[in-house]
Amino acid sequence: MFVKAIVGRKGSGKTPIMLDQVESLAIDKDSNIVFIEYGKTVDRILPHSVRLIDITEYPVRGYGQLIAFLAGMNAKDYDISHIFIDSLLSIADDYDRDHLDDFLLSLEKFARRADVEVTVSISADRQDITEGSLRFLER
C-alpha cells in the first residue's frame, strides 16, 4: 500500500504513532524520510536523519498545492522513500470530505509514480470519513 491514513480525533495519539514509525524506518541507513508538519511541534523529537518540513514556512494551501509541493520536492530529491504528513486537514485548510477523497486518490497516483510510501494523519472521527477515504486506513 503506497498511501496509509491514521485517523482519529485531535489528541488521540496519531502523531506519536507516526513518530514511532519514523524511528523504526530511520534505523535503515538507506531510508530517505521526510516529515511534513503544520507548525513546529516535533523538531526536537525526530531523528537527525529525517528531513523535517514546517509547511507553514511555504505558501502551500489546499490539496492541489500540496500535491504540487510533494511533486516538486520529489523532483529535486528523487530517492525519497517515505513521506509523513501530520495534520493533513490543517495543512490543506479544506475539510470537505469529497475533496479529501479526491486528494487521497491523487496522492496514491503520485506515490505509485514516485515509488514512495506516504502516511498521513487526519484529525476526524472515523464515521465522518467517507468509504473512499477509509480504504486508506492503516491496518
N, C-alpha and C. Protein backbone atom coordinates (compact mmCIF):
# COMPACT_ATOMS: atom_id res chain seq x y z
N MET A 1 0.84 -1.18 0.00
CA MET A 1 0.00 0.00 0.00
C MET A 1 0.89 1.24 0.00
N PHE A 2 0.67 2.13 -0.95
CA PHE A 2 1.50 3.32 -1.08
C PHE A 2 1.05 4.47 -0.18
N VAL A 3 -0.24 4.52 0.14
CA VAL A 3 -0.77 5.59 0.98
C VAL A 3 -1.51 4.97 2.15
N LYS A 4 -1.17 5.44 3.36
CA LYS A 4 -1.84 4.98 4.57
C LYS A 4 -2.32 6.20 5.34
N ALA A 5 -3.48 6.06 5.95
CA ALA A 5 -4.04 7.14 6.75
C ALA A 5 -4.22 6.69 8.19
N ILE A 6 -3.87 7.56 9.10
CA ILE A 6 -4.13 7.35 10.52
C ILE A 6 -5.20 8.37 10.89
N VAL A 7 -6.34 7.88 11.31
CA VAL A 7 -7.50 8.74 11.55
C VAL A 7 -7.89 8.68 13.02
N GLY A 8 -8.20 9.82 13.58
CA GLY A 8 -8.68 9.89 14.96
C GLY A 8 -8.89 11.34 15.36
N ARG A 9 -9.61 11.50 16.44
CA ARG A 9 -9.84 12.85 16.95
C ARG A 9 -8.54 13.51 17.33
N LYS A 10 -8.57 14.83 17.39
CA LYS A 10 -7.41 15.59 17.85
C LYS A 10 -7.03 15.11 19.24
N GLY A 11 -5.75 14.86 19.45
CA GLY A 11 -5.28 14.40 20.75
C GLY A 11 -5.40 12.90 20.97
N SER A 12 -5.73 12.15 19.92
CA SER A 12 -5.93 10.71 20.08
C SER A 12 -4.65 9.89 19.89
N GLY A 13 -3.53 10.54 19.62
CA GLY A 13 -2.26 9.82 19.54
C GLY A 13 -1.79 9.51 18.14
N LYS A 14 -2.27 10.22 17.14
CA LYS A 14 -1.86 9.96 15.75
C LYS A 14 -0.39 10.31 15.53
N THR A 15 0.03 11.47 16.03
CA THR A 15 1.42 11.89 15.83
C THR A 15 2.41 10.93 16.50
N PRO A 16 2.19 10.49 17.74
CA PRO A 16 3.11 9.51 18.32
C PRO A 16 3.21 8.20 17.51
N ILE A 17 2.09 7.78 16.91
CA ILE A 17 2.13 6.58 16.06
C ILE A 17 3.05 6.84 14.88
N MET A 18 2.91 8.00 14.27
CA MET A 18 3.77 8.34 13.13
C MET A 18 5.23 8.43 13.55
N LEU A 19 5.49 9.03 14.69
CA LEU A 19 6.87 9.17 15.16
C LEU A 19 7.50 7.81 15.45
N ASP A 20 6.73 6.88 15.99
CA ASP A 20 7.24 5.51 16.20
C ASP A 20 7.61 4.87 14.87
N GLN A 21 6.78 5.06 13.86
CA GLN A 21 7.07 4.51 12.53
C GLN A 21 8.33 5.13 11.95
N VAL A 22 8.46 6.45 12.10
CA VAL A 22 9.64 7.15 11.60
C VAL A 22 10.90 6.61 12.26
N GLU A 23 10.86 6.45 13.57
CA GLU A 23 12.03 5.93 14.30
C GLU A 23 12.43 4.55 13.80
N SER A 24 11.45 3.69 13.59
CA SER A 24 11.74 2.34 13.09
C SER A 24 12.36 2.38 11.71
N LEU A 25 11.84 3.24 10.85
CA LEU A 25 12.36 3.34 9.48
C LEU A 25 13.72 4.00 9.42
N ALA A 26 13.97 4.95 10.32
CA ALA A 26 15.22 5.71 10.30
C ALA A 26 16.43 4.85 10.65
N ILE A 27 16.21 3.70 11.23
CA ILE A 27 17.31 2.78 11.54
C ILE A 27 18.01 2.33 10.27
N ASP A 28 17.23 2.16 9.20
CA ASP A 28 17.77 1.74 7.90
C ASP A 28 18.46 2.94 7.26
N LYS A 29 19.75 2.84 7.05
CA LYS A 29 20.53 3.95 6.51
C LYS A 29 20.14 4.30 5.07
N ASP A 30 19.46 3.38 4.39
CA ASP A 30 19.02 3.63 3.02
C ASP A 30 17.68 4.37 2.96
N SER A 31 17.04 4.55 4.09
CA SER A 31 15.77 5.28 4.12
C SER A 31 16.03 6.77 3.93
N ASN A 32 15.16 7.39 3.18
CA ASN A 32 15.21 8.83 2.99
C ASN A 32 13.81 9.34 3.35
N ILE A 33 13.67 9.82 4.56
CA ILE A 33 12.36 10.11 5.14
C ILE A 33 12.14 11.62 5.24
N VAL A 34 10.93 12.04 4.87
CA VAL A 34 10.52 13.43 5.00
C VAL A 34 9.30 13.46 5.92
N PHE A 35 9.31 14.35 6.89
CA PHE A 35 8.20 14.52 7.80
C PHE A 35 7.69 15.95 7.64
N ILE A 36 6.43 16.09 7.20
CA ILE A 36 5.82 17.40 6.98
C ILE A 36 4.84 17.65 8.11
N GLU A 37 4.99 18.78 8.77
CA GLU A 37 4.11 19.12 9.87
C GLU A 37 3.56 20.53 9.68
N TYR A 38 2.53 20.83 10.44
CA TYR A 38 1.91 22.16 10.43
C TYR A 38 2.32 22.86 11.72
N GLY A 39 3.37 23.68 11.63
CA GLY A 39 3.92 24.33 12.82
C GLY A 39 4.98 23.43 13.43
N LYS A 40 5.88 24.02 14.15
CA LYS A 40 6.98 23.24 14.72
C LYS A 40 6.56 22.60 16.03
N THR A 41 6.34 21.29 15.97
CA THR A 41 5.95 20.57 17.18
C THR A 41 6.84 19.37 17.45
N VAL A 42 7.47 18.83 16.43
CA VAL A 42 8.26 17.60 16.62
C VAL A 42 9.74 17.78 16.27
N ASP A 43 10.18 19.01 16.11
CA ASP A 43 11.54 19.24 15.64
C ASP A 43 12.62 18.67 16.55
N ARG A 44 12.36 18.55 17.83
CA ARG A 44 13.38 18.01 18.75
C ARG A 44 13.21 16.52 19.00
N ILE A 45 12.18 15.93 18.42
CA ILE A 45 11.88 14.53 18.66
C ILE A 45 12.39 13.63 17.53
N LEU A 46 12.39 14.16 16.32
CA LEU A 46 12.74 13.34 15.16
C LEU A 46 14.23 13.00 15.12
N PRO A 47 14.56 11.83 14.59
CA PRO A 47 15.97 11.51 14.36
C PRO A 47 16.58 12.53 13.39
N HIS A 48 17.85 12.82 13.53
CA HIS A 48 18.51 13.83 12.71
C HIS A 48 18.51 13.49 11.22
N SER A 49 18.42 12.22 10.90
CA SER A 49 18.45 11.81 9.50
C SER A 49 17.15 12.13 8.76
N VAL A 50 16.10 12.47 9.48
CA VAL A 50 14.79 12.74 8.89
C VAL A 50 14.70 14.22 8.52
N ARG A 51 14.28 14.47 7.29
CA ARG A 51 14.11 15.86 6.85
C ARG A 51 12.75 16.36 7.35
N LEU A 52 12.78 17.42 8.14
CA LEU A 52 11.57 17.99 8.71
C LEU A 52 11.20 19.24 7.93
N ILE A 53 9.94 19.32 7.53
CA ILE A 53 9.43 20.49 6.82
C ILE A 53 8.25 21.05 7.59
N ASP A 54 8.36 22.30 8.00
CA ASP A 54 7.23 23.01 8.59
C ASP A 54 6.52 23.69 7.42
N ILE A 55 5.40 23.14 7.02
CA ILE A 55 4.70 23.59 5.82
C ILE A 55 4.22 25.04 5.95
N THR A 56 4.13 25.57 7.18
CA THR A 56 3.70 26.96 7.33
C THR A 56 4.75 27.94 6.81
N GLU A 57 5.96 27.47 6.56
CA GLU A 57 7.02 28.32 6.01
C GLU A 57 6.93 28.44 4.49
N TYR A 58 5.98 27.76 3.88
CA TYR A 58 5.80 27.77 2.43
C TYR A 58 4.37 28.20 2.10
N PRO A 59 4.17 28.81 0.94
CA PRO A 59 2.82 29.25 0.56
C PRO A 59 1.99 28.10 -0.01
N VAL A 60 1.79 27.07 0.78
CA VAL A 60 1.05 25.89 0.35
C VAL A 60 -0.29 25.87 1.07
N ARG A 61 -1.37 25.99 0.30
CA ARG A 61 -2.71 25.91 0.87
C ARG A 61 -3.58 25.14 -0.11
N GLY A 62 -4.30 24.21 0.38
CA GLY A 62 -5.18 23.41 -0.46
C GLY A 62 -4.51 22.13 -0.91
N TYR A 63 -5.34 21.17 -1.28
CA TYR A 63 -4.83 19.86 -1.68
C TYR A 63 -4.03 19.92 -2.97
N GLY A 64 -4.47 20.73 -3.91
CA GLY A 64 -3.75 20.83 -5.19
C GLY A 64 -2.34 21.37 -5.01
N GLN A 65 -2.21 22.39 -4.19
CA GLN A 65 -0.89 22.95 -3.94
C GLN A 65 -0.02 21.97 -3.16
N LEU A 66 -0.62 21.18 -2.29
CA LEU A 66 0.15 20.20 -1.54
C LEU A 66 0.70 19.12 -2.46
N ILE A 67 -0.11 18.63 -3.40
CA ILE A 67 0.38 17.64 -4.36
C ILE A 67 1.51 18.24 -5.19
N ALA A 68 1.35 19.49 -5.62
CA ALA A 68 2.40 20.16 -6.41
C ALA A 68 3.68 20.30 -5.58
N PHE A 69 3.55 20.62 -4.31
CA PHE A 69 4.70 20.74 -3.42
C PHE A 69 5.43 19.40 -3.31
N LEU A 70 4.67 18.32 -3.11
CA LEU A 70 5.26 16.99 -3.00
C LEU A 70 5.96 16.59 -4.30
N ALA A 71 5.34 16.89 -5.41
CA ALA A 71 5.95 16.56 -6.71
C ALA A 71 7.25 17.33 -6.91
N GLY A 72 7.25 18.61 -6.56
CA GLY A 72 8.47 19.40 -6.67
C GLY A 72 9.56 18.91 -5.74
N MET A 73 9.18 18.54 -4.54
CA MET A 73 10.13 18.00 -3.57
C MET A 73 10.74 16.70 -4.10
N ASN A 74 9.88 15.86 -4.68
CA ASN A 74 10.35 14.58 -5.21
C ASN A 74 11.23 14.78 -6.45
N ALA A 75 10.93 15.78 -7.25
CA ALA A 75 11.74 16.05 -8.44
C ALA A 75 13.17 16.44 -8.05
N LYS A 76 13.31 17.16 -6.98
CA LYS A 76 14.64 17.57 -6.51
C LYS A 76 15.35 16.42 -5.80
N ASP A 77 14.61 15.66 -5.03
CA ASP A 77 15.18 14.58 -4.21
C ASP A 77 14.44 13.30 -4.58
N TYR A 78 14.82 12.70 -5.68
CA TYR A 78 14.06 11.59 -6.28
C TYR A 78 14.22 10.26 -5.54
N ASP A 79 15.03 10.20 -4.50
CA ASP A 79 15.18 8.94 -3.79
C ASP A 79 14.49 8.94 -2.42
N ILE A 80 13.48 9.78 -2.27
CA ILE A 80 12.70 9.79 -1.03
C ILE A 80 11.97 8.45 -0.93
N SER A 81 12.07 7.81 0.23
CA SER A 81 11.43 6.51 0.41
C SER A 81 10.11 6.61 1.18
N HIS A 82 10.02 7.58 2.07
CA HIS A 82 8.82 7.73 2.92
C HIS A 82 8.52 9.20 3.14
N ILE A 83 7.24 9.52 3.07
CA ILE A 83 6.77 10.86 3.41
C ILE A 83 5.68 10.72 4.46
N PHE A 84 5.82 11.47 5.52
CA PHE A 84 4.81 11.52 6.57
C PHE A 84 4.22 12.93 6.57
N ILE A 85 2.90 13.02 6.54
CA ILE A 85 2.22 14.31 6.56
C ILE A 85 1.31 14.33 7.78
N ASP A 86 1.70 15.13 8.76
CA ASP A 86 0.94 15.23 10.00
C ASP A 86 -0.05 16.39 9.89
N SER A 87 -1.25 16.20 10.39
CA SER A 87 -2.29 17.24 10.39
C SER A 87 -2.70 17.64 8.98
N LEU A 88 -3.02 16.65 8.16
CA LEU A 88 -3.36 16.89 6.76
C LEU A 88 -4.46 17.94 6.58
N LEU A 89 -5.53 17.85 7.34
CA LEU A 89 -6.64 18.78 7.15
C LEU A 89 -6.24 20.21 7.48
N SER A 90 -5.38 20.40 8.47
CA SER A 90 -4.90 21.74 8.81
C SER A 90 -4.00 22.28 7.71
N ILE A 91 -3.16 21.42 7.16
CA ILE A 91 -2.27 21.85 6.08
C ILE A 91 -3.08 22.28 4.86
N ALA A 92 -4.05 21.48 4.48
CA ALA A 92 -4.86 21.79 3.30
C ALA A 92 -5.86 22.91 3.57
N ASP A 93 -6.22 23.08 4.83
CA ASP A 93 -7.26 24.03 5.22
C ASP A 93 -8.53 23.79 4.40
N ASP A 94 -8.85 22.50 4.27
CA ASP A 94 -10.01 22.07 3.49
C ASP A 94 -10.59 20.85 4.20
N TYR A 95 -11.80 20.99 4.70
CA TYR A 95 -12.41 19.92 5.49
C TYR A 95 -13.55 19.22 4.75
N ASP A 96 -13.65 19.47 3.45
CA ASP A 96 -14.67 18.84 2.62
C ASP A 96 -14.31 17.38 2.39
N ARG A 97 -15.21 16.47 2.72
CA ARG A 97 -14.94 15.03 2.63
C ARG A 97 -14.67 14.59 1.19
N ASP A 98 -15.38 15.15 0.23
CA ASP A 98 -15.17 14.78 -1.16
C ASP A 98 -13.80 15.25 -1.65
N HIS A 99 -13.38 16.43 -1.22
CA HIS A 99 -12.05 16.92 -1.59
C HIS A 99 -10.96 16.02 -1.00
N LEU A 100 -11.18 15.56 0.23
CA LEU A 100 -10.23 14.64 0.86
C LEU A 100 -10.13 13.34 0.05
N ASP A 101 -11.27 12.81 -0.37
CA ASP A 101 -11.26 11.59 -1.20
C ASP A 101 -10.45 11.81 -2.47
N ASP A 102 -10.72 12.92 -3.15
CA ASP A 102 -10.01 13.22 -4.40
C ASP A 102 -8.51 13.36 -4.15
N PHE A 103 -8.16 14.03 -3.06
CA PHE A 103 -6.74 14.20 -2.73
C PHE A 103 -6.06 12.86 -2.49
N LEU A 104 -6.69 12.00 -1.70
CA LEU A 104 -6.06 10.71 -1.40
C LEU A 104 -5.87 9.88 -2.66
N LEU A 105 -6.79 9.96 -3.60
CA LEU A 105 -6.62 9.26 -4.88
C LEU A 105 -5.46 9.85 -5.67
N SER A 106 -5.37 11.18 -5.70
CA SER A 106 -4.24 11.84 -6.38
C SER A 106 -2.93 11.51 -5.69
N LEU A 107 -2.95 11.48 -4.37
CA LEU A 107 -1.76 11.15 -3.61
C LEU A 107 -1.30 9.73 -3.91
N GLU A 108 -2.26 8.83 -4.03
CA GLU A 108 -1.92 7.44 -4.35
C GLU A 108 -1.26 7.35 -5.73
N LYS A 109 -1.79 8.06 -6.71
CA LYS A 109 -1.18 8.08 -8.06
C LYS A 109 0.24 8.63 -8.00
N PHE A 110 0.41 9.73 -7.27
CA PHE A 110 1.74 10.32 -7.11
C PHE A 110 2.69 9.33 -6.45
N ALA A 111 2.25 8.71 -5.36
CA ALA A 111 3.11 7.80 -4.61
C ALA A 111 3.53 6.60 -5.45
N ARG A 112 2.62 6.08 -6.25
CA ARG A 112 2.96 4.96 -7.13
C ARG A 112 4.02 5.37 -8.15
N ARG A 113 3.80 6.53 -8.79
CA ARG A 113 4.76 7.01 -9.80
C ARG A 113 6.12 7.29 -9.18
N ALA A 114 6.12 7.85 -7.99
CA ALA A 114 7.37 8.22 -7.33
C ALA A 114 7.98 7.07 -6.55
N ASP A 115 7.24 5.97 -6.42
CA ASP A 115 7.68 4.82 -5.64
C ASP A 115 8.06 5.23 -4.22
N VAL A 116 7.11 5.89 -3.56
CA VAL A 116 7.32 6.38 -2.21
C VAL A 116 6.11 5.99 -1.36
N GLU A 117 6.35 5.66 -0.11
CA GLU A 117 5.26 5.37 0.82
C GLU A 117 4.89 6.66 1.54
N VAL A 118 3.59 6.94 1.60
CA VAL A 118 3.10 8.16 2.24
C VAL A 118 2.13 7.79 3.36
N THR A 119 2.34 8.37 4.52
CA THR A 119 1.44 8.20 5.65
C THR A 119 0.93 9.57 6.05
N VAL A 120 -0.39 9.70 6.18
CA VAL A 120 -0.99 10.97 6.56
C VAL A 120 -1.80 10.78 7.85
N SER A 121 -1.86 11.83 8.64
CA SER A 121 -2.75 11.80 9.80
C SER A 121 -3.91 12.75 9.52
N ILE A 122 -5.10 12.27 9.86
CA ILE A 122 -6.33 13.01 9.62
C ILE A 122 -7.08 13.13 10.95
N SER A 123 -7.27 14.37 11.39
CA SER A 123 -7.99 14.61 12.65
C SER A 123 -9.48 14.65 12.37
N ALA A 124 -10.12 13.51 12.56
CA ALA A 124 -11.57 13.40 12.36
C ALA A 124 -12.04 12.10 12.99
N ASP A 125 -13.32 12.03 13.27
CA ASP A 125 -13.91 10.77 13.69
C ASP A 125 -14.04 9.87 12.48
N ARG A 126 -13.85 8.60 12.67
CA ARG A 126 -13.94 7.66 11.55
C ARG A 126 -15.29 7.73 10.85
N GLN A 127 -16.36 7.93 11.61
CA GLN A 127 -17.68 7.98 10.99
C GLN A 127 -17.86 9.24 10.13
N ASP A 128 -16.98 10.22 10.27
CA ASP A 128 -17.05 11.43 9.45
C ASP A 128 -16.24 11.32 8.16
N ILE A 129 -15.59 10.18 7.97
CA ILE A 129 -14.77 9.94 6.78
C ILE A 129 -15.56 9.06 5.82
N THR A 130 -15.47 9.33 4.54
CA THR A 130 -16.21 8.53 3.55
C THR A 130 -15.54 7.18 3.34
N GLU A 131 -16.26 6.27 2.73
CA GLU A 131 -15.72 4.95 2.40
C GLU A 131 -14.49 5.07 1.50
N GLY A 132 -14.51 6.06 0.59
CA GLY A 132 -13.37 6.26 -0.29
C GLY A 132 -12.09 6.55 0.47
N SER A 133 -12.19 7.32 1.53
CA SER A 133 -11.02 7.64 2.34
C SER A 133 -10.69 6.53 3.32
N LEU A 134 -11.71 5.84 3.81
CA LEU A 134 -11.48 4.78 4.79
C LEU A 134 -10.65 3.63 4.23
N ARG A 135 -10.65 3.45 2.93
CA ARG A 135 -9.86 2.35 2.35
C ARG A 135 -8.35 2.57 2.55
N PHE A 136 -7.96 3.79 2.89
CA PHE A 136 -6.55 4.07 3.12
C PHE A 136 -6.14 3.90 4.58
N LEU A 137 -7.09 3.56 5.44
CA LEU A 137 -6.78 3.41 6.85
C LEU A 137 -5.67 2.39 7.07
N GLU A 138 -4.75 2.77 7.92
CA GLU A 138 -3.65 1.85 8.25
C GLU A 138 -4.22 0.68 9.05
N ARG A 139 -3.81 -0.47 8.67
CA ARG A 139 -4.31 -1.69 9.34
C ARG A 139 -3.26 -2.24 10.26
